[in-house]
Amino acid sequence: MTHPTITKRRRFRLFNYISEIINELKKVVWLTRREAAYLTGMVLIVTIIAGIVLGSLDFGFTELVNRIFVGG
């Protein structure tokens, strides 16, 4: 059987923890909508460029290996 004081302490710690999280989130400097859109666009551009470069390298090495080992 659990003691009521132990349950109250756990609840108090949980609420204290949640209130500390909320206080820390209030201190965060959030991006503006414009900044978030700009940075999202940059991530997409870099991802597409990296995909093209890596895809090209993969295709090139595949062709090289096929010509050397398969003889095609």
N, C-alpha and C. Protein backbone atom coordinates (compact mmCIF):
# COMPACT_ATOMS: atom_id res chain seq x y z
N MET A 1 0.83 -1.17 0.00
CA MET A 1 0.00 0.00 0.00
C MET A 1 0.89 1.25 0.00
N THR A 2 0.59 2.18 -0.90
CA THR A 2 1.42 3.38 -0.96
C THR A 2 0.93 4.42 0.02
N HIS A 3 1.86 5.19 0.48
CA HIS A 3 1.53 6.25 1.43
C HIS A 3 1.09 7.49 0.68
N PRO A 4 0.12 8.21 1.18
CA PRO A 4 -0.37 9.41 0.50
C PRO A 4 0.71 10.47 0.33
N THR A 5 1.64 10.55 1.26
CA THR A 5 2.66 11.60 1.15
C THR A 5 3.59 11.33 -0.03
N ILE A 6 3.86 10.06 -0.31
CA ILE A 6 4.74 9.73 -1.44
C ILE A 6 4.07 10.12 -2.75
N THR A 7 2.79 9.82 -2.88
CA THR A 7 2.05 10.16 -4.10
C THR A 7 2.00 11.67 -4.28
N LYS A 8 1.78 12.42 -3.20
CA LYS A 8 1.73 13.88 -3.29
C LYS A 8 3.09 14.43 -3.71
N ARG A 9 4.17 13.85 -3.19
CA ARG A 9 5.50 14.32 -3.55
C ARG A 9 5.76 14.09 -5.03
N ARG A 10 5.37 12.94 -5.54
CA ARG A 10 5.59 12.66 -6.96
C ARG A 10 4.80 13.63 -7.83
N ARG A 11 3.56 13.89 -7.46
CA ARG A 11 2.74 14.85 -8.21
C ARG A 11 3.36 16.23 -8.16
N PHE A 12 3.83 16.62 -7.00
CA PHE A 12 4.44 17.94 -6.86
C PHE A 12 5.67 18.04 -7.75
N ARG A 13 6.50 17.00 -7.77
CA ARG A 13 7.70 17.02 -8.61
C ARG A 13 7.32 17.10 -10.08
N LEU A 14 6.28 16.37 -10.47
CA LEU A 14 5.85 16.39 -11.87
C LEU A 14 5.37 17.78 -12.26
N PHE A 15 4.53 18.40 -11.44
CA PHE A 15 4.04 19.74 -11.74
C PHE A 15 5.19 20.76 -11.72
N ASN A 16 6.10 20.60 -10.81
CA ASN A 16 7.27 21.48 -10.75
C ASN A 16 8.10 21.34 -12.02
N TYR A 17 8.30 20.11 -12.47
CA TYR A 17 9.06 19.85 -13.68
C TYR A 17 8.39 20.48 -14.89
N ILE A 18 7.08 20.32 -15.00
CA ILE A 18 6.34 20.89 -16.13
C ILE A 18 6.39 22.42 -16.09
N SER A 19 6.27 23.00 -14.92
CA SER A 19 6.34 24.47 -14.83
C SER A 19 7.73 24.99 -15.19
N GLU A 20 8.77 24.24 -14.87
CA GLU A 20 10.13 24.64 -15.27
C GLU A 20 10.28 24.57 -16.78
N ILE A 21 9.70 23.57 -17.41
CA ILE A 21 9.75 23.47 -18.87
C ILE A 21 9.06 24.67 -19.51
N ILE A 22 7.89 25.02 -19.00
CA ILE A 22 7.14 26.16 -19.54
C ILE A 22 7.94 27.45 -19.37
N ASN A 23 8.57 27.62 -18.22
CA ASN A 23 9.38 28.83 -17.99
C ASN A 23 10.56 28.89 -18.96
N GLU A 24 11.19 27.77 -19.23
CA GLU A 24 12.31 27.76 -20.17
C GLU A 24 11.84 28.05 -21.59
N LEU A 25 10.68 27.52 -21.96
CA LEU A 25 10.16 27.78 -23.30
C LEU A 25 9.79 29.25 -23.49
N LYS A 26 9.46 29.94 -22.44
CA LYS A 26 9.17 31.37 -22.54
C LYS A 26 10.43 32.18 -22.84
N LYS A 27 11.59 31.64 -22.49
CA LYS A 27 12.86 32.34 -22.72
C LYS A 27 13.39 32.16 -24.14
N VAL A 28 12.84 31.20 -24.88
CA VAL A 28 13.33 30.90 -26.22
C VAL A 28 12.99 32.04 -27.16
N VAL A 29 13.96 32.39 -28.01
CA VAL A 29 13.72 33.39 -29.05
C VAL A 29 13.32 32.63 -30.30
N TRP A 30 12.03 32.69 -30.63
CA TRP A 30 11.50 31.93 -31.75
C TRP A 30 11.77 32.67 -33.06
N LEU A 31 11.92 31.91 -34.15
CA LEU A 31 12.10 32.50 -35.47
C LEU A 31 10.80 33.15 -35.94
N THR A 32 10.96 34.17 -36.77
CA THR A 32 9.78 34.75 -37.40
C THR A 32 9.35 33.83 -38.54
N ARG A 33 8.14 34.05 -39.03
CA ARG A 33 7.63 33.22 -40.14
C ARG A 33 8.53 33.36 -41.36
N ARG A 34 9.01 34.57 -41.60
CA ARG A 34 9.88 34.82 -42.77
C ARG A 34 11.21 34.09 -42.62
N GLU A 35 11.81 34.15 -41.44
CA GLU A 35 13.07 33.45 -41.20
C GLU A 35 12.91 31.94 -41.35
N ALA A 36 11.82 31.40 -40.81
CA ALA A 36 11.57 29.97 -40.89
C ALA A 36 11.38 29.54 -42.34
N ALA A 37 10.66 30.33 -43.14
CA ALA A 37 10.44 30.01 -44.55
C ALA A 37 11.77 30.06 -45.31
N TYR A 38 12.58 31.08 -45.05
CA TYR A 38 13.88 31.22 -45.71
C TYR A 38 14.78 30.03 -45.39
N LEU A 39 14.88 29.68 -44.12
CA LEU A 39 15.75 28.58 -43.74
C LEU A 39 15.23 27.24 -44.25
N THR A 40 13.92 27.07 -44.30
CA THR A 40 13.35 25.85 -44.87
C THR A 40 13.70 25.74 -46.35
N GLY A 41 13.60 26.86 -47.06
CA GLY A 41 13.98 26.87 -48.47
C GLY A 41 15.45 26.52 -48.66
N MET A 42 16.30 27.06 -47.80
CA MET A 42 17.73 26.76 -47.90
C MET A 42 18.00 25.27 -47.66
N VAL A 43 17.33 24.69 -46.69
CA VAL A 43 17.50 23.26 -46.42
C VAL A 43 17.06 22.44 -47.62
N LEU A 44 15.93 22.81 -48.22
CA LEU A 44 15.46 22.08 -49.40
C LEU A 44 16.44 22.19 -50.56
N ILE A 45 16.97 23.38 -50.80
CA ILE A 45 17.93 23.57 -51.90
C ILE A 45 19.19 22.74 -51.66
N VAL A 46 19.74 22.81 -50.47
CA VAL A 46 20.96 22.05 -50.16
C VAL A 46 20.70 20.55 -50.26
N THR A 47 19.52 20.10 -49.82
CA THR A 47 19.18 18.68 -49.90
C THR A 47 19.07 18.23 -51.34
N ILE A 48 18.44 19.03 -52.18
CA ILE A 48 18.31 18.67 -53.60
C ILE A 48 19.68 18.62 -54.27
N ILE A 49 20.53 19.61 -54.00
CA ILE A 49 21.87 19.63 -54.60
C ILE A 49 22.68 18.43 -54.13
N ALA A 50 22.64 18.13 -52.83
CA ALA A 50 23.37 16.97 -52.31
C ALA A 50 22.84 15.68 -52.94
N GLY A 51 21.52 15.57 -53.12
CA GLY A 51 20.95 14.39 -53.75
C GLY A 51 21.42 14.23 -55.19
N ILE A 52 21.47 15.34 -55.92
CA ILE A 52 21.93 15.28 -57.31
C ILE A 52 23.40 14.87 -57.38
N VAL A 53 24.23 15.47 -56.53
CA VAL A 53 25.66 15.14 -56.52
C VAL A 53 25.88 13.68 -56.14
N LEU A 54 25.25 13.23 -55.07
CA LEU A 54 25.43 11.84 -54.64
C LEU A 54 24.85 10.86 -55.66
N GLY A 55 23.72 11.21 -56.26
CA GLY A 55 23.14 10.35 -57.31
C GLY A 55 24.05 10.25 -58.51
N SER A 56 24.66 11.37 -58.90
CA SER A 56 25.59 11.37 -60.02
C SER A 56 26.82 10.51 -59.72
N LEU A 57 27.36 10.66 -58.51
CA LEU A 57 28.52 9.84 -58.13
C LEU A 57 28.15 8.36 -58.12
N ASP A 58 27.00 8.04 -57.60
CA ASP A 58 26.55 6.65 -57.57
C ASP A 58 26.40 6.09 -58.98
N PHE A 59 25.78 6.86 -59.85
CA PHE A 59 25.61 6.42 -61.24
C PHE A 59 26.97 6.25 -61.92
N GLY A 60 27.89 7.20 -61.70
CA GLY A 60 29.22 7.11 -62.30
C GLY A 60 29.99 5.90 -61.82
N PHE A 61 29.99 5.65 -60.51
CA PHE A 61 30.70 4.49 -59.99
C PHE A 61 30.06 3.18 -60.45
N THR A 62 28.74 3.16 -60.57
CA THR A 62 28.06 1.96 -61.06
C THR A 62 28.47 1.67 -62.49
N GLU A 63 28.50 2.69 -63.32
CA GLU A 63 28.93 2.51 -64.72
C GLU A 63 30.39 2.06 -64.78
N LEU A 64 31.24 2.64 -63.96
CA LEU A 64 32.66 2.28 -63.93
C LEU A 64 32.84 0.82 -63.52
N VAL A 65 32.17 0.41 -62.49
CA VAL A 65 32.27 -0.98 -62.02
C VAL A 65 31.72 -1.93 -63.08
N ASN A 66 30.61 -1.58 -63.72
CA ASN A 66 30.05 -2.44 -64.75
C ASN A 66 31.01 -2.58 -65.93
N ARG A 67 31.68 -1.52 -66.33
CA ARG A 67 32.59 -1.60 -67.45
C ARG A 67 33.86 -2.38 -67.11
N ILE A 68 34.32 -2.26 -65.87
CA ILE A 68 35.56 -2.97 -65.49
C ILE A 68 35.29 -4.46 -65.26
N PHE A 69 34.28 -4.78 -64.47
CA PHE A 69 34.05 -6.17 -64.07
C PHE A 69 33.14 -6.93 -65.02
N VAL A 70 32.16 -6.28 -65.57
CA VAL A 70 31.22 -6.96 -66.47
C VAL A 70 31.72 -6.90 -67.90
N GLY A 71 32.45 -5.85 -68.22
CA GLY A 71 33.00 -5.72 -69.55
C GLY A 71 32.01 -5.16 -70.56
N GLY A 72 30.99 -4.50 -70.06
CA GLY A 72 29.95 -3.98 -70.94
C GLY A 72 30.23 -2.61 -71.32
